[in-house]
Amino acid sequence: MTPADDFLSWALAIAFASVAISQLMSMVRLVIGPGMADRILALDTMVLNAIGVIVLVGISQGTPLYFEVALIIAMLGFVSTVAYARFVLRGDIIE
């Protein structure tokens, strides 16, 4: 095992721990958020954290398939956040 591989394994472990802590903090904000906007933002942050986990798994396994999955989930997360925000603001999604 080379020093670069050792550094990469440490960096991945720290990144996984950071994303896990961020996901837990977002879940707490989702549960105790005082307003609907806070809950929407927490859901969007949880989508970003999920994308981060998928990218980290792709880096750790060395396969490019996970990056394509992350792009698809990012597009779906953006559209769902916009749709949910429009529903909260206007009461309908499609005019």
C-alpha atoms as a PDB file:
ATOM      1  CA  MET A   1       0.000   0.000   0.000  1.00  0.00           C
ATOM      2  CA  THR A   2       1.490   3.291  -1.107  1.00  0.00           C
ATOM      3  CA  PRO A   3       1.342   6.507   0.914  1.00  0.00           C
ATOM      4  CA  ALA A   4      -1.095   7.940  -1.652  1.00  0.00           C
ATOM      5  CA  ASP A   5      -3.486   5.033  -1.069  1.00  0.00           C
ATOM      6  CA  ASP A   6      -3.186   5.486   2.675  1.00  0.00           C
ATOM      7  CA  PHE A   7      -3.942   9.206   2.345  1.00  0.00           C
ATOM      8  CA  LEU A   8      -6.935   8.475   0.086  1.00  0.00           C
ATOM      9  CA  SER A   9      -8.390   5.994   2.555  1.00  0.00           C
ATOM     10  CA  TRP A  10      -8.060   8.505   5.411  1.00  0.00           C
ATOM     11  CA  ALA A  11      -9.582  11.277   3.293  1.00  0.00           C
ATOM     12  CA  LEU A  12     -12.502   9.054   2.322  1.00  0.00           C
ATOM     13  CA  ALA A  13     -13.122   8.067   5.938  1.00  0.00           C
ATOM     14  CA  ILE A  14     -13.153  11.708   7.029  1.00  0.00           C
ATOM     15  CA  ALA A  15     -15.429  12.636   4.114  1.00  0.00           C
ATOM     16  CA  PHE A  16     -17.875   9.820   4.906  1.00  0.00           C
ATOM     17  CA  ALA A  17     -17.987  10.901   8.557  1.00  0.00           C
ATOM     18  CA  SER A  18     -18.537  14.545   7.607  1.00  0.00           C
ATOM     19  CA  VAL A  19     -21.385  13.701   5.254  1.00  0.00           C
ATOM     20  CA  ALA A  20     -22.966  11.430   7.876  1.00  0.00           C
ATOM     21  CA  ILE A  21     -22.864  14.203  10.482  1.00  0.00           C
ATOM     22  CA  SER A  22     -24.310  16.642   7.968  1.00  0.00           C
ATOM     23  CA  GLN A  23     -27.105  14.199   7.129  1.00  0.00           C
ATOM     24  CA  LEU A  24     -27.982  13.809  10.803  1.00  0.00           C
ATOM     25  CA  MET A  25     -28.042  17.571  11.293  1.00  0.00           C
ATOM     26  CA  SER A  26     -30.342  17.923   8.279  1.00  0.00           C
ATOM     27  CA  MET A  27     -32.678  15.288   9.685  1.00  0.00           C
ATOM     28  CA  VAL A  28     -32.848  17.200  12.956  1.00  0.00           C
ATOM     29  CA  ARG A  29     -33.687  20.411  11.073  1.00  0.00           C
ATOM     30  CA  LEU A  30     -36.345  18.527   9.112  1.00  0.00           C
ATOM     31  CA  VAL A  31     -38.015  17.334  12.304  1.00  0.00           C
ATOM     32  CA  ILE A  32     -37.785  20.475  14.443  1.00  0.00           C
ATOM     33  CA  GLY A  33     -37.756  23.112  11.717  1.00  0.00           C
ATOM     34  CA  PRO A  34     -39.980  25.987  12.799  1.00  0.00           C
ATOM     35  CA  GLY A  35     -41.290  26.748   9.312  1.00  0.00           C
ATOM     36  CA  MET A  36     -42.073  25.074   6.030  1.00  0.00           C
ATOM     37  CA  ALA A  37     -39.163  26.843   4.317  1.00  0.00           C
ATOM     38  CA  ASP A  38     -36.745  25.308   6.832  1.00  0.00           C
ATOM     39  CA  ARG A  39     -38.111  21.854   6.094  1.00  0.00           C
ATOM     40  CA  ILE A  40     -37.816  22.360   2.329  1.00  0.00           C
ATOM     41  CA  LEU A  41     -34.231  23.501   2.764  1.00  0.00           C
ATOM     42  CA  ALA A  42     -33.492  20.492   4.991  1.00  0.00           C
ATOM     43  CA  LEU A  43     -34.887  18.119   2.356  1.00  0.00           C
ATOM     44  CA  ASP A  44     -32.766  19.775  -0.327  1.00  0.00           C
ATOM     45  CA  THR A  45     -29.705  19.490   1.902  1.00  0.00           C
ATOM     46  CA  MET A  46     -30.454  15.809   2.468  1.00  0.00           C
ATOM     47  CA  VAL A  47     -30.552  15.288  -1.311  1.00  0.00           C
ATOM     48  CA  LEU A  48     -27.158  16.991  -1.590  1.00  0.00           C
ATOM     49  CA  ASN A  49     -25.791  14.781   1.179  1.00  0.00           C
ATOM     50  CA  ALA A  50     -27.092  11.684  -0.604  1.00  0.00           C
ATOM     51  CA  ILE A  51     -25.356  12.839  -3.781  1.00  0.00           C
ATOM     52  CA  GLY A  52     -22.173  13.311  -1.775  1.00  0.00           C
ATOM     53  CA  VAL A  53     -22.401   9.774  -0.403  1.00  0.00           C
ATOM     54  CA  ILE A  54     -22.931   8.369  -3.895  1.00  0.00           C
ATOM     55  CA  VAL A  55     -19.911  10.256  -5.223  1.00  0.00           C
ATOM     56  CA  LEU A  56     -17.787   9.082  -2.293  1.00  0.00           C
ATOM     57  CA  VAL A  57     -18.830   5.482  -2.909  1.00  0.00           C
ATOM     58  CA  GLY A  58     -17.897   5.929  -6.566  1.00  0.00           C
ATOM     59  CA  ILE A  59     -14.473   7.247  -5.597  1.00  0.00           C
ATOM     60  CA  SER A  60     -13.877   4.465  -3.086  1.00  0.00           C
ATOM     61  CA  GLN A  61     -14.891   1.719  -5.513  1.00  0.00           C
ATOM     62  CA  GLY A  62     -13.288   3.340  -8.539  1.00  0.00           C
ATOM     63  CA  THR A  63     -16.267   2.956 -10.887  1.00  0.00           C
ATOM     64  CA  PRO A  64     -17.680   5.821 -12.989  1.00  0.00           C
ATOM     65  CA  LEU A  65     -21.237   4.460 -12.860  1.00  0.00           C
ATOM     66  CA  TYR A  66     -21.943   6.137  -9.534  1.00  0.00           C
ATOM     67  CA  PHE A  67     -21.197   9.574 -10.964  1.00  0.00           C
ATOM     68  CA  GLU A  68     -23.938   9.173 -13.579  1.00  0.00           C
ATOM     69  CA  VAL A  69     -26.346   8.082 -10.851  1.00  0.00           C
ATOM     70  CA  ALA A  70     -25.378  11.161  -8.834  1.00  0.00           C
ATOM     71  CA  LEU A  71     -26.169  13.415 -11.806  1.00  0.00           C
ATOM     72  CA  ILE A  72     -29.599  11.847 -12.265  1.00  0.00           C
ATOM     73  CA  ILE A  73     -30.412  12.180  -8.559  1.00  0.00           C
ATOM     74  CA  ALA A  74     -29.220  15.812  -8.638  1.00  0.00           C
ATOM     75  CA  MET A  75     -31.615  16.601 -11.473  1.00  0.00           C
ATOM     76  CA  LEU A  76     -34.500  14.861  -9.716  1.00  0.00           C
ATOM     77  CA  GLY A  77     -33.686  16.598  -6.447  1.00  0.00           C
ATOM     78  CA  PHE A  78     -33.683  20.019  -8.098  1.00  0.00           C
ATOM     79  CA  VAL A  79     -36.991  19.447  -9.841  1.00  0.00           C
ATOM     80  CA  SER A  80     -38.626  18.058  -6.708  1.00  0.00           C
ATOM     81  CA  THR A  81     -37.417  21.000  -4.600  1.00  0.00           C
ATOM     82  CA  VAL A  82     -38.773  23.516  -7.103  1.00  0.00           C
ATOM     83  CA  ALA A  83     -42.089  21.654  -7.337  1.00  0.00           C
ATOM     84  CA  TYR A  84     -42.464  21.448  -3.566  1.00  0.00           C
ATOM     85  CA  ALA A  85     -41.607  25.132  -3.123  1.00  0.00           C
ATOM     86  CA  ARG A  86     -44.161  26.119  -5.770  1.00  0.00           C
ATOM     87  CA  PHE A  87     -46.762  23.977  -4.060  1.00  0.00           C
ATOM     88  CA  VAL A  88     -46.108  25.643  -0.729  1.00  0.00           C
ATOM     89  CA  LEU A  89     -46.142  29.158  -2.183  1.00  0.00           C
ATOM     90  CA  ARG A  90     -49.026  28.906  -4.667  1.00  0.00           C
ATOM     91  CA  GLY A  91     -50.997  25.833  -3.683  1.00  0.00           C
ATOM     92  CA  ASP A  92     -50.558  24.152  -7.070  1.00  0.00           C
ATOM     93  CA  ILE A  93     -47.628  22.924  -9.121  1.00  0.00           C
ATOM     94  CA  ILE A  94     -48.932  23.231 -12.680  1.00  0.00           C
ATOM     95  CA  GLU A  95     -50.721  26.388 -13.718  1.00  0.00           C
END
